[in-house]
Structure formats: C-alpha cells, structure tokens
Amino acid sequence: MKKDLHPKINDVVFKDISCDFAFLGKSTMSSKEMIKWEDGKEYPLLKVEISSASHPFYTGKQRVMDTEG
C-alpha cells in the first residue's frame, strides 16, 4: 500500500452553535480552536450549524434559524 495516501482521522468535538450541544466524534477535519472535553483532554473544536439536537426531523419541532444576525 502507498504510504500517506489516506487522510489522518482525529478525535474532534462537534458543537452545534444553534443550541449549545456538543459531542465527541472522529473526523479528517481539524481546527485551530481547542476545547476541553469531559474527560479532561483538549480536542479540536468544529462548529456546526445543525445537528440531531436542533434538526426538526429529530426534535419534532419546527423553528426558524437566523444565522445572519
């Protein structure tokens, strides 16, 4: 197999900025922002606009998201 062909997979924290929900997962993306997680370690922080905690399909509630300000 070729060396360094696939991107490196990192542990990262995804944070839903619309409802302040966060979870630890894996991604090939990285970030310069770091956050201290529940286990005491620091992980890169990836901010997302929607997750299962805010999506109407999972919550059963319709709401208008204004990310423009």
Protein backbone atom coordinates (compact mmCIF):
# COMPACT_ATOMS: atom_id res chain seq x y z
CA MET A 1 0.00 0.00 0.00
CA LYS A 2 1.09 3.56 -0.64
CA LYS A 3 2.22 5.48 2.41
CA ASP A 4 0.34 8.69 3.43
CA LEU A 5 -2.43 8.08 0.87
CA HIS A 6 -5.37 8.45 3.25
CA PRO A 7 -6.03 11.49 5.47
CA LYS A 8 -5.40 11.16 9.20
CA ILE A 9 -8.50 10.63 11.34
CA ASN A 10 -8.61 12.70 14.54
CA ASP A 11 -10.83 12.87 17.61
CA VAL A 12 -12.72 16.18 17.48
CA VAL A 13 -15.58 17.87 19.33
CA PHE A 14 -18.54 18.93 17.18
CA LYS A 15 -20.51 21.81 18.70
CA ASP A 16 -23.97 22.81 17.45
CA ILE A 17 -23.89 26.60 17.76
CA SER A 18 -27.68 26.92 17.47
CA CYS A 19 -28.46 25.04 20.69
CA ASP A 20 -25.13 24.69 22.54
CA PHE A 21 -25.00 20.88 22.11
CA ALA A 22 -21.60 19.18 21.73
CA PHE A 23 -20.40 15.63 21.14
CA LEU A 24 -17.07 13.88 20.67
CA GLY A 25 -16.51 12.17 17.34
CA LYS A 26 -13.95 11.45 14.66
CA SER A 27 -13.17 13.44 11.54
CA THR A 28 -10.46 14.08 8.99
CA MET A 29 -11.04 17.81 9.53
CA SER A 30 -9.03 19.77 12.05
CA SER A 31 -9.30 23.15 13.72
CA LYS A 32 -7.04 25.63 15.47
CA GLU A 33 -9.73 26.18 18.13
CA MET A 34 -9.45 23.77 21.04
CA ILE A 35 -11.93 22.81 23.76
CA LYS A 36 -11.52 20.89 27.00
CA TRP A 37 -13.83 17.86 26.96
CA GLU A 38 -15.46 15.96 29.84
CA ASP A 39 -12.53 13.51 30.06
CA GLY A 40 -10.12 16.37 30.82
CA LYS A 41 -8.34 16.24 27.44
CA GLU A 42 -8.29 19.02 24.85
CA TYR A 43 -9.66 18.37 21.37
CA PRO A 44 -10.04 20.46 18.21
CA LEU A 45 -13.45 22.20 18.07
CA LEU A 46 -15.56 22.06 14.90
CA LYS A 47 -18.62 24.31 14.97
CA VAL A 48 -21.70 23.16 13.05
CA GLU A 49 -24.99 24.96 12.43
CA ILE A 50 -27.28 21.95 12.78
CA SER A 51 -27.15 18.55 14.48
CA SER A 52 -29.58 15.93 15.76
CA ALA A 53 -30.20 18.18 18.78
CA SER A 54 -31.57 21.02 16.61
CA HIS A 55 -32.82 19.36 13.40
CA PRO A 56 -36.64 19.35 13.10
CA PHE A 57 -36.69 15.71 11.98
CA TYR A 58 -35.15 14.57 15.28
CA THR A 59 -36.72 17.15 17.59
CA GLY A 60 -40.22 17.18 16.09
CA LYS A 61 -40.28 20.97 16.34
CA GLN A 62 -40.10 23.48 13.51
CA ARG A 63 -38.08 26.59 14.21
CA VAL A 64 -36.58 29.40 12.22
CA MET A 65 -32.82 29.66 12.41
CA ASP A 66 -31.37 33.09 11.74
CA THR A 67 -27.61 32.72 11.42
CA GLU A 68 -27.26 36.08 9.68
CA GLY A 69 -27.76 38.03 12.89
